[in-house]
């Protein structure tokens, strides 16, 4: 499934595969564990966001800059000191 597929075109193939997996208890248990792992990973990853969330975050950042609420660095050393990078 390397090609870019939208939800509608993915659904028939996905549900067909689920039908095969549902008939094999071992595969079904593996799938269930993997799905739980995926959900857990998504919950922990702050960088995962929808397109709308991404643009809302950009807009909040733009407003903060307009209000002067930001930190400016003159060089990489200042940046590293600020963030504690050695």
Protein backbone atom coordinates (compact mmCIF):
# COMPACT_ATOMS: atom_id res chain seq x y z
CA UNK A 1 0.00 0.00 0.00
CA UNK A 2 2.78 2.42 -0.92
CA UNK A 3 0.56 4.48 -3.20
CA UNK A 4 -1.39 7.41 -1.84
CA UNK A 5 -4.96 6.23 -1.25
CA UNK A 6 -7.91 8.16 0.03
CA UNK A 7 -10.27 6.67 2.60
CA UNK A 8 -12.94 5.71 0.07
CA UNK A 9 -10.61 3.73 -2.21
CA UNK A 10 -8.85 2.16 0.79
CA UNK A 11 -12.00 0.87 2.48
CA UNK A 12 -12.87 -2.07 0.17
CA UNK A 13 -9.30 -3.38 0.15
CA UNK A 14 -8.95 -2.84 3.89
CA UNK A 15 -12.19 -4.60 4.76
CA UNK A 16 -11.33 -7.48 2.45
CA UNK A 17 -8.01 -7.89 4.28
CA UNK A 18 -9.82 -7.71 7.62
CA UNK A 19 -12.08 -10.55 6.50
CA UNK A 20 -9.04 -12.73 5.88
CA UNK A 21 -7.49 -11.78 9.23
CA UNK A 22 -10.76 -12.37 11.11
CA UNK A 23 -10.68 -16.01 10.04
CA UNK A 24 -7.27 -16.58 11.66
CA UNK A 25 -7.17 -16.10 15.43
CA UNK A 26 -3.37 -15.75 15.52
CA UNK A 27 -3.42 -12.99 12.88
CA UNK A 28 -6.34 -11.29 14.60
CA UNK A 29 -4.50 -11.16 17.96
CA UNK A 30 -1.40 -9.75 16.22
CA UNK A 31 -3.51 -7.11 14.48
CA UNK A 32 -5.21 -6.16 17.73
CA UNK A 33 -1.83 -5.69 19.48
CA UNK A 34 -0.48 -3.67 16.56
CA UNK A 35 -3.53 -1.38 16.48
CA UNK A 36 -3.17 -0.72 20.21
CA UNK A 37 0.52 0.08 19.65
CA UNK A 38 -0.34 2.51 16.82
CA UNK A 39 -2.94 4.28 18.94
CA UNK A 40 -0.51 4.53 21.83
CA UNK A 41 2.20 5.96 19.54
CA UNK A 42 -0.14 8.58 18.08
CA UNK A 43 -1.24 9.66 21.55
CA UNK A 44 2.41 10.26 22.54
CA UNK A 45 3.53 12.08 19.38
CA UNK A 46 2.84 15.82 19.66
CA UNK A 47 4.01 16.38 16.08
CA UNK A 48 1.07 14.44 14.64
CA UNK A 49 -1.73 16.85 13.74
CA UNK A 50 -4.38 17.45 11.14
CA UNK A 51 -3.96 20.03 8.41
CA UNK A 52 -6.36 22.34 10.27
CA UNK A 53 -4.43 21.94 13.53
CA UNK A 54 -1.18 22.71 11.70
CA UNK A 55 -2.51 25.94 10.19
CA UNK A 56 -4.09 26.96 13.50
CA UNK A 57 -0.70 26.48 15.16
CA UNK A 58 0.95 28.65 12.47
CA UNK A 59 -1.68 31.34 13.04
CA UNK A 60 -1.09 31.32 16.83
CA UNK A 61 2.64 31.65 16.19
CA UNK A 62 2.12 34.52 13.75
CA UNK A 63 0.02 36.36 16.36
CA UNK A 64 2.67 35.81 19.04
CA UNK A 65 5.30 37.33 16.76
CA UNK A 66 3.04 40.31 15.98
CA UNK A 67 2.63 40.86 19.73
CA UNK A 68 6.40 40.73 20.24
CA UNK A 69 6.16 37.50 22.20
CA UNK A 70 9.23 35.68 20.85
CA UNK A 71 12.94 35.18 21.48
CA UNK A 72 15.51 36.38 18.97
CA UNK A 73 18.99 34.89 18.65
CA UNK A 74 21.99 36.63 17.11
CA UNK A 75 23.93 33.44 16.53
CA UNK A 76 23.86 29.69 16.99
CA UNK A 77 25.69 29.89 20.31
CA UNK A 78 22.87 31.99 21.83
CA UNK A 79 20.35 29.50 20.48
CA UNK A 80 22.26 26.56 21.97
CA UNK A 81 22.62 28.30 25.35
CA UNK A 82 18.91 29.11 25.46
CA UNK A 83 17.92 25.50 24.80
CA UNK A 84 20.75 23.97 26.83
CA UNK A 85 22.43 22.34 23.83
CA UNK A 86 26.09 21.50 24.28
